[in-house]
């Protein structure tokens, strides 16, 4: 198991440090640990913030959950993203294609939805969209999770 370098940088700067493993990236990151931490501190001074959380953009800060789009991962063991899109279109949802920017995600309203710009199996619906009683969710074809929860699998790319 070789963790992705972005995961290690996150753990080094924002997490609880390295815990086991690290593979070939660990010595490199340890060698540059002081510089990485200094760059993070410089960024906080530059932006006049004291906490790491304050570096987040306003729309992505904790507490703004009512503005965060609803991310829906298609369980590709049970169905394909194309089939899920077709199903939602038959239910009266308007498919807007692949998002090209964050503004596309923020502009979602009503029964519109998009395909995430980075993750091909991730559908994006307007904030407050409740799919807990949706037949595809109940059958295990959809997984309701935030985008950050989808990233480890994409970064680690298991077989």
C-alpha atoms as a PDB file:
ATOM      1  CA  UNK A   1       0.000   0.000   0.000  1.00  0.00           C
ATOM      2  CA  UNK A   2       1.507   3.303  -1.108  1.00  0.00           C
ATOM      3  CA  UNK A   3      -0.484   6.363  -0.060  1.00  0.00           C
ATOM      4  CA  UNK A   4      -0.933   9.100  -2.606  1.00  0.00           C
ATOM      5  CA  UNK A   5       1.349  12.108  -1.949  1.00  0.00           C
ATOM      6  CA  UNK A   6      -1.618  14.507  -1.573  1.00  0.00           C
ATOM      7  CA  UNK A   7      -2.988  12.362   1.253  1.00  0.00           C
ATOM      8  CA  UNK A   8       0.389  12.424   2.989  1.00  0.00           C
ATOM      9  CA  UNK A   9       0.732  16.203   2.623  1.00  0.00           C
ATOM     10  CA  UNK A  10      -2.727  16.636   4.103  1.00  0.00           C
ATOM     11  CA  UNK A  11      -1.859  14.396   7.052  1.00  0.00           C
ATOM     12  CA  UNK A  12       1.440  16.175   7.556  1.00  0.00           C
ATOM     13  CA  UNK A  13       0.030  19.714   7.512  1.00  0.00           C
ATOM     14  CA  UNK A  14      -3.583  19.395   8.643  1.00  0.00           C
ATOM     15  CA  UNK A  15      -3.974  15.907  10.096  1.00  0.00           C
ATOM     16  CA  UNK A  16      -2.281  14.051  12.910  1.00  0.00           C
ATOM     17  CA  UNK A  17       1.007  13.465  11.111  1.00  0.00           C
ATOM     18  CA  UNK A  18       2.221  10.262   9.540  1.00  0.00           C
ATOM     19  CA  UNK A  19       0.837   7.057  10.955  1.00  0.00           C
ATOM     20  CA  UNK A  20       2.587   4.024   9.589  1.00  0.00           C
ATOM     21  CA  UNK A  21       3.475   3.512   5.947  1.00  0.00           C
ATOM     22  CA  UNK A  22       4.137   6.390   3.639  1.00  0.00           C
ATOM     23  CA  UNK A  23       6.101   4.391   1.124  1.00  0.00           C
ATOM     24  CA  UNK A  24       8.579   6.202  -1.057  1.00  0.00           C
ATOM     25  CA  UNK A  25       6.901   9.580  -0.457  1.00  0.00           C
ATOM     26  CA  UNK A  26       7.472   9.654   3.284  1.00  0.00           C
ATOM     27  CA  UNK A  27      11.228  10.421   3.243  1.00  0.00           C
ATOM     28  CA  UNK A  28      10.709  13.142   0.641  1.00  0.00           C
ATOM     29  CA  UNK A  29       7.930  14.822   2.620  1.00  0.00           C
ATOM     30  CA  UNK A  30       9.810  14.478   5.896  1.00  0.00           C
ATOM     31  CA  UNK A  31      12.820  16.137   4.264  1.00  0.00           C
ATOM     32  CA  UNK A  32      10.635  19.092   3.204  1.00  0.00           C
ATOM     33  CA  UNK A  33       8.322  19.102   6.239  1.00  0.00           C
ATOM     34  CA  UNK A  34       9.702  22.355   7.682  1.00  0.00           C
ATOM     35  CA  UNK A  35       9.361  24.159   4.353  1.00  0.00           C
ATOM     36  CA  UNK A  36       5.798  22.893   3.800  1.00  0.00           C
ATOM     37  CA  UNK A  37       4.768  24.024   7.283  1.00  0.00           C
ATOM     38  CA  UNK A  38       6.475  27.390   6.747  1.00  0.00           C
ATOM     39  CA  UNK A  39       4.559  27.861   3.474  1.00  0.00           C
ATOM     40  CA  UNK A  40       1.283  27.089   5.244  1.00  0.00           C
ATOM     41  CA  UNK A  41       2.140  29.629   7.964  1.00  0.00           C
ATOM     42  CA  UNK A  42       3.092  32.214   5.321  1.00  0.00           C
ATOM     43  CA  UNK A  43      -0.219  31.674   3.544  1.00  0.00           C
ATOM     44  CA  UNK A  44      -2.112  32.214   6.819  1.00  0.00           C
ATOM     45  CA  UNK A  45      -0.199  35.463   7.467  1.00  0.00           C
ATOM     46  CA  UNK A  46      -0.751  36.595   3.889  1.00  0.00           C
ATOM     47  CA  UNK A  47      -4.498  36.013   4.181  1.00  0.00           C
ATOM     48  CA  UNK A  48      -4.608  37.408   7.732  1.00  0.00           C
ATOM     49  CA  UNK A  49      -6.089  34.303   9.325  1.00  0.00           C
ATOM     50  CA  UNK A  50      -5.031  32.328  12.371  1.00  0.00           C
ATOM     51  CA  UNK A  51      -6.711  28.963  11.819  1.00  0.00           C
ATOM     52  CA  UNK A  52      -6.403  26.517   8.923  1.00  0.00           C
ATOM     53  CA  UNK A  53     -10.197  26.479   8.580  1.00  0.00           C
ATOM     54  CA  UNK A  54     -10.134  30.191   7.851  1.00  0.00           C
ATOM     55  CA  UNK A  55      -8.226  29.480   4.631  1.00  0.00           C
ATOM     56  CA  UNK A  56     -11.302  27.850   3.160  1.00  0.00           C
ATOM     57  CA  UNK A  57     -13.394  29.866   0.759  1.00  0.00           C
ATOM     58  CA  UNK A  58     -16.579  31.292   2.250  1.00  0.00           C
ATOM     59  CA  UNK A  59     -18.802  28.843   0.355  1.00  0.00           C
ATOM     60  CA  UNK A  60     -16.832  25.835   1.585  1.00  0.00           C
ATOM     61  CA  UNK A  61     -16.586  26.649   5.290  1.00  0.00           C
ATOM     62  CA  UNK A  62     -18.209  24.370   7.830  1.00  0.00           C
ATOM     63  CA  UNK A  63     -21.657  25.651   8.739  1.00  0.00           C
ATOM     64  CA  UNK A  64     -22.670  26.442   5.173  1.00  0.00           C
ATOM     65  CA  UNK A  65     -24.116  22.981   4.567  1.00  0.00           C
ATOM     66  CA  UNK A  66     -27.366  24.456   3.301  1.00  0.00           C
ATOM     67  CA  UNK A  67     -25.401  25.852   0.313  1.00  0.00           C
ATOM     68  CA  UNK A  68     -23.378  22.717  -0.462  1.00  0.00           C
ATOM     69  CA  UNK A  69     -24.669  20.756  -3.440  1.00  0.00           C
ATOM     70  CA  UNK A  70     -25.958  17.208  -2.914  1.00  0.00           C
ATOM     71  CA  UNK A  71     -23.335  14.792  -4.228  1.00  0.00           C
ATOM     72  CA  UNK A  72     -24.544  11.360  -5.293  1.00  0.00           C
ATOM     73  CA  UNK A  73     -22.049   8.649  -6.205  1.00  0.00           C
ATOM     74  CA  UNK A  74     -23.266   6.008  -8.625  1.00  0.00           C
ATOM     75  CA  UNK A  75     -22.491   2.505  -7.357  1.00  0.00           C
ATOM     76  CA  UNK A  76     -20.808   1.191 -10.502  1.00  0.00           C
ATOM     77  CA  UNK A  77     -21.048  -2.367  -9.164  1.00  0.00           C
ATOM     78  CA  UNK A  78     -24.816  -2.130  -9.701  1.00  0.00           C
ATOM     79  CA  UNK A  79     -25.371   0.407 -12.488  1.00  0.00           C
ATOM     80  CA  UNK A  80     -23.608   2.869 -14.775  1.00  0.00           C
ATOM     81  CA  UNK A  81     -23.617   6.672 -14.519  1.00  0.00           C
ATOM     82  CA  UNK A  82     -25.350   6.823 -17.933  1.00  0.00           C
ATOM     83  CA  UNK A  83     -28.177   4.581 -16.728  1.00  0.00           C
ATOM     84  CA  UNK A  84     -28.595   6.657 -13.560  1.00  0.00           C
ATOM     85  CA  UNK A  85     -28.722   9.861 -15.630  1.00  0.00           C
ATOM     86  CA  UNK A  86     -31.363   8.338 -17.923  1.00  0.00           C
ATOM     87  CA  UNK A  87     -33.440   7.245 -14.932  1.00  0.00           C
ATOM     88  CA  UNK A  88     -33.407  10.746 -13.419  1.00  0.00           C
ATOM     89  CA  UNK A  89     -34.284  12.293 -16.781  1.00  0.00           C
ATOM     90  CA  UNK A  90     -37.310   9.964 -17.043  1.00  0.00           C
ATOM     91  CA  UNK A  91     -38.372  11.202 -13.594  1.00  0.00           C
ATOM     92  CA  UNK A  92     -38.484  14.812 -14.802  1.00  0.00           C
ATOM     93  CA  UNK A  93     -35.002  15.965 -13.768  1.00  0.00           C
ATOM     94  CA  UNK A  94     -33.122  18.179 -16.200  1.00  0.00           C
ATOM     95  CA  UNK A  95     -29.614  16.917 -16.959  1.00  0.00           C
ATOM     96  CA  UNK A  96     -27.200  19.813 -17.550  1.00  0.00           C
ATOM     97  CA  UNK A  97     -24.179  17.760 -18.686  1.00  0.00           C
ATOM     98  CA  UNK A  98     -20.728  17.839 -17.110  1.00  0.00           C
ATOM     99  CA  UNK A  99     -20.010  20.834 -14.899  1.00  0.00           C
ATOM    100  CA  UNK A 100     -17.204  23.029 -16.163  1.00  0.00           C
ATOM    101  CA  UNK A 101     -16.746  25.201 -13.074  1.00  0.00           C
ATOM    102  CA  UNK A 102     -17.717  25.667  -9.446  1.00  0.00           C
ATOM    103  CA  UNK A 103     -20.156  28.316 -10.590  1.00  0.00           C
ATOM    104  CA  UNK A 104     -22.089  25.622 -12.464  1.00  0.00           C
ATOM    105  CA  UNK A 105     -22.467  23.728  -9.188  1.00  0.00           C
ATOM    106  CA  UNK A 106     -23.515  26.822  -7.235  1.00  0.00           C
ATOM    107  CA  UNK A 107     -26.117  27.751  -9.869  1.00  0.00           C
ATOM    108  CA  UNK A 108     -28.019  24.451  -9.602  1.00  0.00           C
ATOM    109  CA  UNK A 109     -31.677  24.884  -8.691  1.00  0.00           C
ATOM    110  CA  UNK A 110     -34.901  22.939  -8.785  1.00  0.00           C
ATOM    111  CA  UNK A 111     -34.792  19.570 -10.530  1.00  0.00           C
ATOM    112  CA  UNK A 112     -31.553  20.166 -12.419  1.00  0.00           C
ATOM    113  CA  UNK A 113     -28.416  18.084 -11.998  1.00  0.00           C
ATOM    114  CA  UNK A 114     -24.902  17.803 -13.391  1.00  0.00           C
ATOM    115  CA  UNK A 115     -22.056  15.368 -13.712  1.00  0.00           C
ATOM    116  CA  UNK A 116     -19.095  16.317 -11.518  1.00  0.00           C
ATOM    117  CA  UNK A 117     -16.155  17.802 -13.452  1.00  0.00           C
ATOM    118  CA  UNK A 118     -13.581  15.482 -11.798  1.00  0.00           C
ATOM    119  CA  UNK A 119     -15.334  12.265 -10.837  1.00  0.00           C
ATOM    120  CA  UNK A 120     -17.227  10.556 -13.673  1.00  0.00           C
ATOM    121  CA  UNK A 121     -19.480   8.548 -11.330  1.00  0.00           C
ATOM    122  CA  UNK A 122     -20.530  11.543  -9.213  1.00  0.00           C
ATOM    123  CA  UNK A 123     -23.831  13.312  -9.886  1.00  0.00           C
ATOM    124  CA  UNK A 124     -24.432  16.771  -8.432  1.00  0.00           C
ATOM    125  CA  UNK A 125     -27.880  18.023  -7.405  1.00  0.00           C
ATOM    126  CA  UNK A 126     -28.948  21.315  -5.836  1.00  0.00           C
ATOM    127  CA  UNK A 127     -28.434  21.740  -2.099  1.00  0.00           C
ATOM    128  CA  UNK A 128     -31.327  20.407  -0.013  1.00  0.00           C
ATOM    129  CA  UNK A 129     -32.197  17.724  -2.613  1.00  0.00           C
ATOM    130  CA  UNK A 130     -33.413  14.773  -0.555  1.00  0.00           C
ATOM    131  CA  UNK A 131     -32.924  11.404  -2.204  1.00  0.00           C
ATOM    132  CA  UNK A 132     -33.187   9.183   0.892  1.00  0.00           C
ATOM    133  CA  UNK A 133     -36.479   7.705  -0.339  1.00  0.00           C
ATOM    134  CA  UNK A 134     -35.440   7.479  -3.994  1.00  0.00           C
ATOM    135  CA  UNK A 135     -35.746   3.940  -5.460  1.00  0.00           C
ATOM    136  CA  UNK A 136     -32.160   3.923  -6.781  1.00  0.00           C
ATOM    137  CA  UNK A 137     -30.816   4.889  -3.367  1.00  0.00           C
ATOM    138  CA  UNK A 138     -32.950   2.316  -1.564  1.00  0.00           C
ATOM    139  CA  UNK A 139     -31.759  -0.393  -4.012  1.00  0.00           C
ATOM    140  CA  UNK A 140     -28.095   0.506  -3.434  1.00  0.00           C
ATOM    141  CA  UNK A 141     -27.493   1.962  -6.900  1.00  0.00           C
ATOM    142  CA  UNK A 142     -26.716   5.397  -5.439  1.00  0.00           C
ATOM    143  CA  UNK A 143     -24.603   6.394  -2.466  1.00  0.00           C
ATOM    144  CA  UNK A 144     -25.204   9.768  -0.811  1.00  0.00           C
ATOM    145  CA  UNK A 145     -21.872  11.178   0.316  1.00  0.00           C
ATOM    146  CA  UNK A 146     -19.934  14.382   0.165  1.00  0.00           C
ATOM    147  CA  UNK A 147     -17.328  14.831  -2.524  1.00  0.00           C
ATOM    148  CA  UNK A 148     -14.441  14.575  -0.072  1.00  0.00           C
ATOM    149  CA  UNK A 149     -15.552  11.048   0.817  1.00  0.00           C
ATOM    150  CA  UNK A 150     -15.247  10.043  -2.841  1.00  0.00           C
ATOM    151  CA  UNK A 151     -11.711  11.359  -3.272  1.00  0.00           C
ATOM    152  CA  UNK A 152      -9.716   8.674  -1.390  1.00  0.00           C
ATOM    153  CA  UNK A 153     -10.960   5.923  -3.676  1.00  0.00           C
ATOM    154  CA  UNK A 154     -10.175   8.018  -6.744  1.00  0.00           C
ATOM    155  CA  UNK A 155      -6.695   8.951  -5.486  1.00  0.00           C
ATOM    156  CA  UNK A 156      -5.820   5.425  -4.383  1.00  0.00           C
ATOM    157  CA  UNK A 157      -7.360   3.835  -7.526  1.00  0.00           C
ATOM    158  CA  UNK A 158      -7.838   0.312  -6.155  1.00  0.00           C
ATOM    159  CA  UNK A 159      -8.026  -2.537  -8.686  1.00  0.00           C
END
